Each structure stands twice: as structure tokens, then as C-alpha cells.
Amino acid sequence: MGLKKQFLKSRPVCKVTFTLPKEAINNAKEIKIVGDFNDWDWEKGTPMKLKDDAYAAIIELEKGNQYEFRYQLDNQGWVNDWEADGYHATPYGVDNSVVYTFEK
């Protein structure tokens, strides 16, 4: 699965499709993507919808950056992306997932 990226020609934007396998959610009812791009705020988080055997959401991010993010389950638990572009250690003893929007 992993992160799928589409670089737009008309705007300086990368459309990133975030995908989280169903088995990663531990029976959560609501899954959102939170990170640098929405101030790590559950209320501003992007909801993920179940499609086939995975949850997915698309977010447009500015090209040429890197963004830290995690999946938040029911506004309580956290899950990293199993196939993120990278990981960044935090002062809280956990790693954040990282997505790069650098065009090749």
C-alpha cells in the first residue's frame, strides 16, 4: 500500500493518498490523519474512509517539503504508517511517520 503521490502540473501541490490497512486500527471507530499540515489537531484531522480492506484519504500538500504525521484512532491511540517515506524521533519517545513531497 504505502503512500501514493501525484504531482500536479497546474499547481505547486502533491496529492498524497494515505492508506492504512484495516488490521492496523485495533477496532477503532474513527481514524484521522494528523500532522504538521493540520497542527496535530484531531478536530482539523482528515478523516479516513474504509475502501476494500484499508482506510484511505487524500491530502494536497505543498511540493518540496517534508511533513510529519501519524494516524489517530478514536482521538486516543496512535499508529504510524507502515510504509512511510521515513520516520522522525520525537522527544516523547515515539517516532512520527514522514512523507516527502519532493518531485523526482
PDB file of N, CA and C in Angstrom:
ATOM      1  N   MET A   1       0.838  -1.181   0.000  1.00  0.00           N
ATOM      2  CA  MET A   1       0.000   0.000   0.000  1.00  0.00           C
ATOM      3  C   MET A   1       0.881   1.241   0.000  1.00  0.00           C
ATOM      4  N   GLY A   2       1.225   1.720   1.166  1.00  0.00           N
ATOM      5  CA  GLY A   2       2.126   2.861   1.247  1.00  0.00           C
ATOM      6  C   GLY A   2       1.492   4.173   0.823  1.00  0.00           C
ATOM      7  N   LEU A   3       2.344   5.146   0.595  1.00  0.00           N
ATOM      8  CA  LEU A   3       1.912   6.475   0.205  1.00  0.00           C
ATOM      9  C   LEU A   3       1.953   6.582  -1.317  1.00  0.00           C
ATOM     10  N   LYS A   4       0.857   7.024  -1.898  1.00  0.00           N
ATOM     11  CA  LYS A   4       0.797   7.225  -3.340  1.00  0.00           C
ATOM     12  C   LYS A   4       0.795   8.729  -3.587  1.00  0.00           C
ATOM     13  N   LYS A   5       1.664   9.187  -4.502  1.00  0.00           N
ATOM     14  CA  LYS A   5       1.800  10.623  -4.749  1.00  0.00           C
ATOM     15  C   LYS A   5       1.513  10.965  -6.195  1.00  0.00           C
ATOM     16  N   GLN A   6       0.805  12.094  -6.367  1.00  0.00           N
ATOM     17  CA  GLN A   6       0.539  12.620  -7.695  1.00  0.00           C
ATOM     18  C   GLN A   6       0.922  14.093  -7.680  1.00  0.00           C
ATOM     19  N   PHE A   7       1.940  14.447  -8.464  1.00  0.00           N
ATOM     20  CA  PHE A   7       2.394  15.829  -8.538  1.00  0.00           C
ATOM     21  C   PHE A   7       1.595  16.554  -9.618  1.00  0.00           C
ATOM     22  N   LEU A   8       0.934  17.634  -9.220  1.00  0.00           N
ATOM     23  CA  LEU A   8       0.109  18.383 -10.165  1.00  0.00           C
ATOM     24  C   LEU A   8       0.974  19.334 -10.988  1.00  0.00           C
ATOM     25  N   LYS A   9       0.672  19.437 -12.263  1.00  0.00           N
ATOM     26  CA  LYS A   9       1.393  20.350 -13.151  1.00  0.00           C
ATOM     27  C   LYS A   9       0.851  21.771 -13.033  1.00  0.00           C
ATOM     28  N   SER A  10      -0.445  21.889 -12.726  1.00  0.00           N
ATOM     29  CA  SER A  10      -1.107  23.196 -12.722  1.00  0.00           C
ATOM     30  C   SER A  10      -0.898  23.999 -11.436  1.00  0.00           C
ATOM     31  N   ARG A  11      -0.510  23.318 -10.357  1.00  0.00           N
ATOM     32  CA  ARG A  11      -0.308  23.979  -9.063  1.00  0.00           C
ATOM     33  C   ARG A  11       0.881  23.347  -8.357  1.00  0.00           C
ATOM     34  N   PRO A  12       1.511  24.078  -7.423  1.00  0.00           N
ATOM     35  CA  PRO A  12       2.661  23.514  -6.699  1.00  0.00           C
ATOM     36  C   PRO A  12       2.207  22.594  -5.559  1.00  0.00           C
ATOM     37  N   VAL A  13       1.473  21.560  -5.938  1.00  0.00           N
ATOM     38  CA  VAL A  13       0.839  20.681  -4.961  1.00  0.00           C
ATOM     39  C   VAL A  13       1.125  19.229  -5.295  1.00  0.00           C
ATOM     40  N   CYS A  14       1.241  18.427  -4.253  1.00  0.00           N
ATOM     41  CA  CYS A  14       1.350  16.979  -4.374  1.00  0.00           C
ATOM     42  C   CYS A  14       0.126  16.375  -3.687  1.00  0.00           C
ATOM     43  N   LYS A  15      -0.658  15.621  -4.449  1.00  0.00           N
ATOM     44  CA  LYS A  15      -1.801  14.919  -3.859  1.00  0.00           C
ATOM     45  C   LYS A  15      -1.290  13.590  -3.313  1.00  0.00           C
ATOM     46  N   VAL A  16      -1.382  13.434  -2.006  1.00  0.00           N
ATOM     47  CA  VAL A  16      -0.884  12.222  -1.361  1.00  0.00           C
ATOM     48  C   VAL A  16      -2.072  11.380  -0.904  1.00  0.00           C
ATOM     49  N   THR A  17      -2.078  10.132  -1.337  1.00  0.00           N
ATOM     50  CA  THR A  17      -3.080   9.181  -0.862  1.00  0.00           C
ATOM     51  C   THR A  17      -2.446   8.393   0.279  1.00  0.00           C
ATOM     52  N   PHE A  18      -3.001   8.559   1.467  1.00  0.00           N
ATOM     53  CA  PHE A  18      -2.556   7.849   2.663  1.00  0.00           C
ATOM     54  C   PHE A  18      -3.429   6.604   2.802  1.00  0.00           C
ATOM     55  N   THR A  19      -2.811   5.466   3.057  1.00  0.00           N
ATOM     56  CA  THR A  19      -3.542   4.205   3.171  1.00  0.00           C
ATOM     57  C   THR A  19      -3.094   3.475   4.424  1.00  0.00           C
ATOM     58  N   LEU A  20      -4.075   3.015   5.185  1.00  0.00           N
ATOM     59  CA  LEU A  20      -3.797   2.285   6.422  1.00  0.00           C
ATOM     60  C   LEU A  20      -4.561   0.965   6.390  1.00  0.00           C
ATOM     61  N   PRO A  21      -3.859  -0.171   6.501  1.00  0.00           N
ATOM     62  CA  PRO A  21      -4.542  -1.466   6.470  1.00  0.00           C
ATOM     63  C   PRO A  21      -5.557  -1.589   7.609  1.00  0.00           C
ATOM     64  N   LYS A  22      -6.639  -2.258   7.316  1.00  0.00           N
ATOM     65  CA  LYS A  22      -7.712  -2.446   8.293  1.00  0.00           C
ATOM     66  C   LYS A  22      -7.200  -3.092   9.579  1.00  0.00           C
ATOM     67  N   GLU A  23      -6.262  -4.026   9.472  1.00  0.00           N
ATOM     68  CA  GLU A  23      -5.767  -4.726  10.665  1.00  0.00           C
ATOM     69  C   GLU A  23      -4.956  -3.824  11.597  1.00  0.00           C
ATOM     70  N   ALA A  24      -4.611  -2.622  11.152  1.00  0.00           N
ATOM     71  CA  ALA A  24      -3.815  -1.706  11.980  1.00  0.00           C
ATOM     72  C   ALA A  24      -4.656  -0.855  12.929  1.00  0.00           C
ATOM     73  N   ILE A  25      -5.970  -0.879  12.783  1.00  0.00           N
ATOM     74  CA  ILE A  25      -6.795   0.083  13.527  1.00  0.00           C
ATOM     75  C   ILE A  25      -7.298  -0.398  14.886  1.00  0.00           C
ATOM     76  N   ASN A  26      -7.101  -1.670  15.227  1.00  0.00           N
ATOM     77  CA  ASN A  26      -7.499  -2.175  16.554  1.00  0.00           C
ATOM     78  C   ASN A  26      -8.932  -1.842  16.936  1.00  0.00           C
ATOM     79  N   ASN A  27      -9.869  -2.101  16.033  1.00  0.00           N
ATOM     80  CA  ASN A  27     -11.304  -1.904  16.274  1.00  0.00           C
ATOM     81  C   ASN A  27     -11.704  -0.446  16.492  1.00  0.00           C
ATOM     82  N   ALA A  28     -10.900   0.501  16.074  1.00  0.00           N
ATOM     83  CA  ALA A  28     -11.252   1.921  16.212  1.00  0.00           C
ATOM     84  C   ALA A  28     -12.457   2.231  15.328  1.00  0.00           C
ATOM     85  N   LYS A  29     -13.244   3.182  15.752  1.00  0.00           N
ATOM     86  CA  LYS A  29     -14.434   3.600  15.012  1.00  0.00           C
ATOM     87  C   LYS A  29     -14.145   4.771  14.076  1.00  0.00           C
ATOM     88  N   GLU A  30     -13.185   5.623  14.451  1.00  0.00           N
ATOM     89  CA  GLU A  30     -12.867   6.800  13.655  1.00  0.00           C
ATOM     90  C   GLU A  30     -11.357   6.960  13.542  1.00  0.00           C
ATOM     91  N   ILE A  31     -10.887   7.108  12.308  1.00  0.00           N
ATOM     92  CA  ILE A  31      -9.464   7.252  12.049  1.00  0.00           C
ATOM     93  C   ILE A  31      -9.243   8.566  11.318  1.00  0.00           C
ATOM     94  N   LYS A  32      -8.268   9.359  11.797  1.00  0.00           N
ATOM     95  CA  LYS A  32      -7.933  10.622  11.147  1.00  0.00           C
ATOM     96  C   LYS A  32      -6.420  10.716  10.975  1.00  0.00           C
ATOM     97  N   ILE A  33      -6.011  11.475   9.951  1.00  0.00           N
ATOM     98  CA  ILE A  33      -4.599  11.775   9.755  1.00  0.00           C
ATOM     99  C   ILE A  33      -4.341  13.130  10.385  1.00  0.00           C
ATOM    100  N   VAL A  34      -3.380  13.167  11.294  1.00  0.00           N
ATOM    101  CA  VAL A  34      -2.995  14.434  11.917  1.00  0.00           C
ATOM    102  C   VAL A  34      -1.485  14.592  11.763  1.00  0.00           C
ATOM    103  N   GLY A  35      -1.053  15.847  11.675  1.00  0.00           N
ATOM    104  CA  GLY A  35       0.368  16.083  11.499  1.00  0.00           C
ATOM    105  C   GLY A  35       0.687  17.554  11.375  1.00  0.00           C
ATOM    106  N   ASP A  36       1.881  17.825  10.843  1.00  0.00           N
ATOM    107  CA  ASP A  36       2.329  19.202  10.660  1.00  0.00           C
ATOM    108  C   ASP A  36       1.330  20.029   9.857  1.00  0.00           C
ATOM    109  N   PHE A  37       0.697  19.406   8.892  1.00  0.00           N
ATOM    110  CA  PHE A  37      -0.184  20.112   7.959  1.00  0.00           C
ATOM    111  C   PHE A  37      -1.534  20.500   8.555  1.00  0.00           C
ATOM    112  N   ASN A  38      -1.871  20.017   9.748  1.00  0.00           N
ATOM    113  CA  ASN A  38      -3.116  20.437  10.405  1.00  0.00           C
ATOM    114  C   ASN A  38      -2.907  20.662  11.903  1.00  0.00           C
ATOM    115  N   ASP A  39      -1.709  21.107  12.255  1.00  0.00           N
ATOM    116  CA  ASP A  39      -1.361  21.492  13.629  1.00  0.00           C
ATOM    117  C   ASP A  39      -1.543  20.372  14.651  1.00  0.00           C
ATOM    118  N   TRP A  40      -1.453  19.118  14.195  1.00  0.00           N
ATOM    119  CA  TRP A  40      -1.609  17.970  15.095  1.00  0.00           C
ATOM    120  C   TRP A  40      -2.920  18.042  15.886  1.00  0.00           C
ATOM    121  N   ASP A  41      -3.960  18.532  15.248  1.00  0.00           N
ATOM    122  CA  ASP A  41      -5.254  18.773  15.898  1.00  0.00           C
ATOM    123  C   ASP A  41      -6.289  17.769  15.401  1.00  0.00           C
ATOM    124  N   TRP A  42      -6.839  16.977  16.311  1.00  0.00           N
ATOM    125  CA  TRP A  42      -7.856  15.979  15.972  1.00  0.00           C
ATOM    126  C   TRP A  42      -9.022  16.622  15.234  1.00  0.00           C
ATOM    127  N   GLU A  43      -9.465  17.776  15.667  1.00  0.00           N
ATOM    128  CA  GLU A  43     -10.612  18.447  15.041  1.00  0.00           C
ATOM    129  C   GLU A  43     -10.319  18.839  13.590  1.00  0.00           C
ATOM    130  N   LYS A  44      -9.069  19.170  13.286  1.00  0.00           N
ATOM    131  CA  LYS A  44      -8.669  19.549  11.927  1.00  0.00           C
ATOM    132  C   LYS A  44      -8.186  18.344  11.120  1.00  0.00           C
ATOM    133  N   GLY A  45      -8.094  17.186  11.768  1.00  0.00           N
ATOM    134  CA  GLY A  45      -7.580  15.986  11.106  1.00  0.00           C
ATOM    135  C   GLY A  45      -8.434  15.563   9.931  1.00  0.00           C
ATOM    136  N   THR A  46      -7.811  14.882   8.993  1.00  0.00           N
ATOM    137  CA  THR A  46      -8.505  14.393   7.801  1.00  0.00           C
ATOM    138  C   THR A  46      -9.051  12.998   8.070  1.00  0.00           C
ATOM    139  N   PRO A  47     -10.392  12.849   8.014  1.00  0.00           N
ATOM    140  CA  PRO A  47     -10.989  11.532   8.247  1.00  0.00           C
ATOM    141  C   PRO A  47     -10.618  10.542   7.143  1.00  0.00           C
ATOM    142  N   MET A  48     -10.435   9.306   7.546  1.00  0.00           N
ATOM    143  CA  MET A  48     -10.145   8.240   6.590  1.00  0.00           C
ATOM    144  C   MET A  48     -11.394   7.387   6.417  1.00  0.00           C
ATOM    145  N   LYS A  49     -11.596   6.926   5.183  1.00  0.00           N
ATOM    146  CA  LYS A  49     -12.769   6.110   4.873  1.00  0.00           C
ATOM    147  C   LYS A  49     -12.327   4.706   4.467  1.00  0.00           C
ATOM    148  N   LEU A  50     -13.129   3.720   4.880  1.00  0.00           N
ATOM    149  CA  LEU A  50     -12.837   2.331   4.555  1.00  0.00           C
ATOM    150  C   LEU A  50     -13.179   2.054   3.102  1.00  0.00           C
ATOM    151  N   LYS A  51     -12.199   1.498   2.371  1.00  0.00           N
ATOM    152  CA  LYS A  51     -12.402   1.081   0.993  1.00  0.00           C
ATOM    153  C   LYS A  51     -11.677  -0.245   0.835  1.00  0.00           C
ATOM    154  N   ASP A  52     -12.414  -1.272   0.496  1.00  0.00           N
ATOM    155  CA  ASP A  52     -11.878  -2.628   0.424  1.00  0.00           C
ATOM    156  C   ASP A  52     -11.350  -3.029   1.807  1.00  0.00           C
ATOM    157  N   ASP A  53     -10.076  -3.366   1.938  1.00  0.00           N
ATOM    158  CA  ASP A  53      -9.522  -3.805   3.219  1.00  0.00           C
ATOM    159  C   ASP A  53      -8.587  -2.782   3.835  1.00  0.00           C
ATOM    160  N   ALA A  54      -8.779  -1.496   3.487  1.00  0.00           N
ATOM    161  CA  ALA A  54      -7.890  -0.465   4.018  1.00  0.00           C
ATOM    162  C   ALA A  54      -8.652   0.856   4.155  1.00  0.00           C
ATOM    163  N   TYR A  55      -8.142   1.689   5.033  1.00  0.00           N
ATOM    164  CA  TYR A  55      -8.667   3.044   5.174  1.00  0.00           C
ATOM    165  C   TYR A  55      -7.801   3.969   4.335  1.00  0.00           C
ATOM    166  N   ALA A  56      -8.433   4.954   3.701  1.00  0.00           N
ATOM    167  CA  ALA A  56      -7.674   5.846   2.825  1.00  0.00           C
ATOM    168  C   ALA A  56      -8.217   7.268   2.895  1.00  0.00           C
ATOM    169  N   ALA A  57      -7.334   8.214   2.574  1.00  0.00           N
ATOM    170  CA  ALA A  57      -7.697   9.626   2.470  1.00  0.00           C
ATOM    171  C   ALA A  57      -6.665  10.305   1.583  1.00  0.00           C
ATOM    172  N   ILE A  58      -7.090  11.360   0.916  1.00  0.00           N
ATOM    173  CA  ILE A  58      -6.195  12.128   0.052  1.00  0.00           C
ATOM    174  C   ILE A  58      -6.038  13.527   0.637  1.00  0.00           C
ATOM    175  N   ILE A  59      -4.784  13.979   0.715  1.00  0.00           N
ATOM    176  CA  ILE A  59      -4.486  15.324   1.204  1.00  0.00           C
ATOM    177  C   ILE A  59      -3.570  15.999   0.188  1.00  0.00           C
ATOM    178  N   GLU A  60      -3.870  17.247  -0.132  1.00  0.00           N
ATOM    179  CA  GLU A  60      -2.996  18.031  -1.002  1.00  0.00           C
ATOM    180  C   GLU A  60      -1.977  18.755  -0.133  1.00  0.00           C
ATOM    181  N   LEU A  61      -0.697  18.502  -0.423  1.00  0.00           N
ATOM    182  CA  LEU A  61       0.398  19.108   0.333  1.00  0.00           C
ATOM    183  C   LEU A  61       1.288  19.905  -0.619  1.00  0.00           C
ATOM    184  N   GLU A  62       1.858  20.969  -0.109  1.00  0.00           N
ATOM    185  CA  GLU A  62       2.749  21.794  -0.919  1.00  0.00           C
ATOM    186  C   GLU A  62       3.979  20.977  -1.324  1.00  0.00           C
ATOM    187  N   LYS A  63       4.363  21.117  -2.610  1.00  0.00           N
ATOM    188  CA  LYS A  63       5.548  20.419  -3.115  1.00  0.00           C
ATOM    189  C   LYS A  63       6.816  20.934  -2.441  1.00  0.00           C
ATOM    190  N   GLY A  64       7.821  20.059  -2.387  1.00  0.00           N
ATOM    191  CA  GLY A  64       9.141  20.461  -1.931  1.00  0.00           C
ATOM    192  C   GLY A  64       9.331  20.508  -0.434  1.00  0.00           C
ATOM    193  N   ASN A  65       8.515  19.788   0.295  1.00  0.00           N
ATOM    194  CA  ASN A  65       8.602  19.788   1.758  1.00  0.00           C
ATOM    195  C   ASN A  65       8.610  18.370   2.298  1.00  0.00           C
ATOM    196  N   GLN A  66       8.811  18.284   3.597  1.00  0.00           N
ATOM    197  CA  GLN A  66       8.588  17.025   4.299  1.00  0.00           C
ATOM    198  C   GLN A  66       7.628  17.320   5.436  1.00  0.00           C
ATOM    199  N   TYR A  67       6.750  16.370   5.704  1.00  0.00           N
ATOM    200  CA  TYR A  67       5.720  16.548   6.718  1.00  0.00           C
ATOM    201  C   TYR A  67       5.712  15.347   7.647  1.00  0.00           C
ATOM    202  N   GLU A  68       5.641  15.611   8.942  1.00  0.00           N
ATOM    203  CA  GLU A  68       5.477  14.543   9.921  1.00  0.00           C
ATOM    204  C   GLU A  68       3.983  14.336  10.151  1.00  0.00           C
ATOM    205  N   PHE A  69       3.613  13.082  10.361  1.00  0.00           N
ATOM    206  CA  PHE A  69       2.199  12.766  10.572  1.00  0.00           C
ATOM    207  C   PHE A  69       2.072  11.440  11.294  1.00  0.00           C
ATOM    208  N   ARG A  70       0.873  11.184  11.787  1.00  0.00           N
ATOM    209  CA  ARG A  70       0.509   9.882  12.358  1.00  0.00           C
ATOM    210  C   ARG A  70      -0.986   9.704  12.151  1.00  0.00           C
ATOM    211  N   TYR A  71      -1.430   8.479  12.280  1.00  0.00           N
ATOM    212  CA  TYR A  71      -2.859   8.175  12.242  1.00  0.00           C
ATOM    213  C   TYR A  71      -3.358   8.144  13.678  1.00  0.00           C
ATOM    214  N   GLN A  72      -4.450   8.862  13.934  1.00  0.00           N
ATOM    215  CA  GLN A  72      -5.006   8.879  15.288  1.00  0.00           C
ATOM    216  C   GLN A  72      -6.310   8.094  15.281  1.00  0.00           C
ATOM    217  N   LEU A  73      -6.435   7.201  16.258  1.00  0.00           N
ATOM    218  CA  LEU A  73      -7.581   6.311  16.357  1.00  0.00           C
ATOM    219  C   LEU A  73      -8.500   6.757  17.486  1.00  0.00           C
ATOM    220  N   ASP A  74      -9.742   7.083  17.152  1.00  0.00           N
ATOM    221  CA  ASP A  74     -10.750   7.490  18.144  1.00  0.00           C
ATOM    222  C   ASP A  74     -10.268   8.602  19.069  1.00  0.00           C
ATOM    223  N   ASN A  75      -9.428   9.505  18.553  1.00  0.00           N
ATOM    224  CA  ASN A  75      -8.891  10.635  19.320  1.00  0.00           C
ATOM    225  C   ASN A  75      -8.126  10.159  20.565  1.00  0.00           C
ATOM    226  N   GLN A  76      -7.556   8.949  20.490  1.00  0.00           N
ATOM    227  CA  GLN A  76      -6.821   8.400  21.636  1.00  0.00           C
ATOM    228  C   GLN A  76      -5.499   7.790  21.203  1.00  0.00           C
ATOM    229  N   GLY A  77      -5.547   6.628  20.579  1.00  0.00           N
ATOM    230  CA  GLY A  77      -4.323   5.922  20.210  1.00  0.00           C
ATOM    231  C   GLY A  77      -3.724   6.424  18.909  1.00  0.00           C
ATOM    232  N   TRP A  78      -2.461   6.062  18.704  1.00  0.00           N
ATOM    233  CA  TRP A  78      -1.717   6.499  17.522  1.00  0.00           C
ATOM    234  C   TRP A  78      -1.132   5.302  16.790  1.00  0.00           C
ATOM    235  N   VAL A  79      -1.059   5.427  15.457  1.00  0.00           N
ATOM    236  CA  VAL A  79      -0.432   4.402  14.628  1.00  0.00           C
ATOM    237  C   VAL A  79       0.415   5.111  13.576  1.00  0.00           C
ATOM    238  N   ASN A  80       1.602   4.575  13.322  1.00  0.00           N
ATOM    239  CA  ASN A  80       2.443   5.098  12.252  1.00  0.00           C
ATOM    240  C   ASN A  80       2.098   4.428  10.937  1.00  0.00           C
ATOM    241  N   ASP A  81       2.495   5.065   9.855  1.00  0.00           N
ATOM    242  CA  ASP A  81       2.350   4.476   8.528  1.00  0.00           C
ATOM    243  C   ASP A  81       3.434   3.416   8.373  1.00  0.00           C
ATOM    244  N   TRP A  82       3.046   2.214   8.038  1.00  0.00           N
ATOM    245  CA  TRP A  82       3.971   1.097   7.945  1.00  0.00           C
ATOM    246  C   TRP A  82       4.942   1.244   6.776  1.00  0.00           C
ATOM    247  N   GLU A  83       4.578   2.092   5.794  1.00  0.00           N
ATOM    248  CA  GLU A  83       5.425   2.269   4.614  1.00  0.00           C
ATOM    249  C   GLU A  83       5.696   3.746   4.349  1.00  0.00           C
ATOM    250  N   ALA A  84       5.905   4.522   5.412  1.00  0.00           N
ATOM    251  CA  ALA A  84       6.185   5.952   5.272  1.00  0.00           C
ATOM    252  C   ALA A  84       7.513   6.156   4.549  1.00  0.00           C
ATOM    253  N   ASP A  85       7.715   7.384   4.042  1.00  0.00           N
ATOM    254  CA  ASP A  85       8.982   7.710   3.387  1.00  0.00           C
ATOM    255  C   ASP A  85      10.130   7.718   4.384  1.00  0.00           C
ATOM    256  N   GLY A  86       9.825   7.946   5.654  1.00  0.00           N
ATOM    257  CA  GLY A  86      10.825   7.970   6.707  1.00  0.00           C
ATOM    258  C   GLY A  86      10.159   8.102   8.058  1.00  0.00           C
ATOM    259  N   TYR A  87      10.975   8.186   9.096  1.00  0.00           N
ATOM    260  CA  TYR A  87      10.473   8.323  10.466  1.00  0.00           C
ATOM    261  C   TYR A  87      11.346   9.333  11.190  1.00  0.00           C
ATOM    262  N   HIS A  88      10.740  10.070  12.113  1.00  0.00           N
ATOM    263  CA  HIS A  88      11.475  11.091  12.851  1.00  0.00           C
ATOM    264  C   HIS A  88      11.223  10.884  14.342  1.00  0.00           C
ATOM    265  N   ALA A  89      12.292  10.749  15.112  1.00  0.00           N
ATOM    266  CA  ALA A  89      12.170  10.572  16.563  1.00  0.00           C
ATOM    267  C   ALA A  89      11.654  11.856  17.202  1.00  0.00           C
ATOM    268  N   THR A  90      10.804  11.699  18.195  1.00  0.00           N
ATOM    269  CA  THR A  90      10.248  12.848  18.919  1.00  0.00           C
ATOM    270  C   THR A  90      10.775  12.846  20.350  1.00  0.00           C
ATOM    271  N   PRO A  91      10.626  13.962  21.074  1.00  0.00           N
ATOM    272  CA  PRO A  91      11.041  13.990  22.474  1.00  0.00           C
ATOM    273  C   PRO A  91      10.121  13.161  23.379  1.00  0.00           C
ATOM    274  N   TYR A  92       9.036  12.622  22.802  1.00  0.00           N
ATOM    275  CA  TYR A  92       8.055  11.854  23.586  1.00  0.00           C
ATOM    276  C   TYR A  92       8.340  10.353  23.562  1.00  0.00           C
ATOM    277  N   GLY A  93       9.468   9.964  22.951  1.00  0.00           N
ATOM    278  CA  GLY A  93       9.838   8.555  22.939  1.00  0.00           C
ATOM    279  C   GLY A  93       9.180   7.740  21.841  1.00  0.00           C
ATOM    280  N   VAL A  94       8.550   8.405  20.878  1.00  0.00           N
ATOM    281  CA  VAL A  94       7.944   7.714  19.739  1.00  0.00           C
ATOM    282  C   VAL A  94       8.458   8.346  18.456  1.00  0.00           C
ATOM    283  N   ASP A  95       8.296   7.636  17.372  1.00  0.00           N
ATOM    284  CA  ASP A  95       8.647   8.175  16.060  1.00  0.00           C
ATOM    285  C   ASP A  95       7.387   8.633  15.348  1.00  0.00           C
ATOM    286  N   ASN A  96       7.513   9.710  14.580  1.00  0.00           N
ATOM    287  CA  ASN A  96       6.446  10.145  13.684  1.00  0.00           C
ATOM    288  C   ASN A  96       6.757   9.627  12.293  1.00  0.00           C
ATOM    289  N   SER A  97       5.721   9.328  11.528  1.00  0.00           N
ATOM    290  CA  SER A  97       5.894   8.996  10.121  1.00  0.00           C
ATOM    291  C   SER A  97       6.223  10.283   9.372  1.00  0.00           C
ATOM    292  N   VAL A  98       6.946  10.152   8.256  1.00  0.00           N
ATOM    293  CA  VAL A  98       7.306  11.306   7.440  1.00  0.00           C
ATOM    294  C   VAL A  98       6.927  11.032   5.990  1.00  0.00           C
ATOM    295  N   VAL A  99       6.361  12.052   5.333  1.00  0.00           N
ATOM    296  CA  VAL A  99       6.103  11.996   3.897  1.00  0.00           C
ATOM    297  C   VAL A  99       6.883  13.126   3.232  1.00  0.00           C
ATOM    298  N   TYR A 100       7.580  12.798   2.136  1.00  0.00           N
ATOM    299  CA  TYR A 100       8.351  13.783   1.376  1.00  0.00           C
ATOM    300  C   TYR A 100       7.563  14.162   0.120  1.00  0.00           C
ATOM    301  N   THR A 101       7.515  15.458  -0.176  1.00  0.00           N
ATOM    302  CA  THR A 101       6.821  15.902  -1.379  1.00  0.00           C
ATOM    303  C   THR A 101       7.807  16.540  -2.366  1.00  0.00           C
ATOM    304  N   PHE A 102       8.985  15.968  -2.450  1.00  0.00           N
ATOM    305  CA  PHE A 102       9.998  16.422  -3.397  1.00  0.00           C
ATOM    306  C   PHE A 102       9.769  15.673  -4.709  1.00  0.00           C
ATOM    307  N   GLU A 103       9.630  16.422  -5.778  1.00  0.00           N
ATOM    308  CA  GLU A 103       9.420  15.806  -7.088  1.00  0.00           C
ATOM    309  C   GLU A 103      10.745  15.298  -7.638  1.00  0.00           C
ATOM    310  N   LYS A 104      10.734  14.108  -8.175  1.00  0.00           N
ATOM    311  CA  LYS A 104      11.960  13.490  -8.697  1.00  0.00           C
ATOM    312  C   LYS A 104      12.235  13.942 -10.112  1.00  0.00           C
TER     313      LYS A 104
END
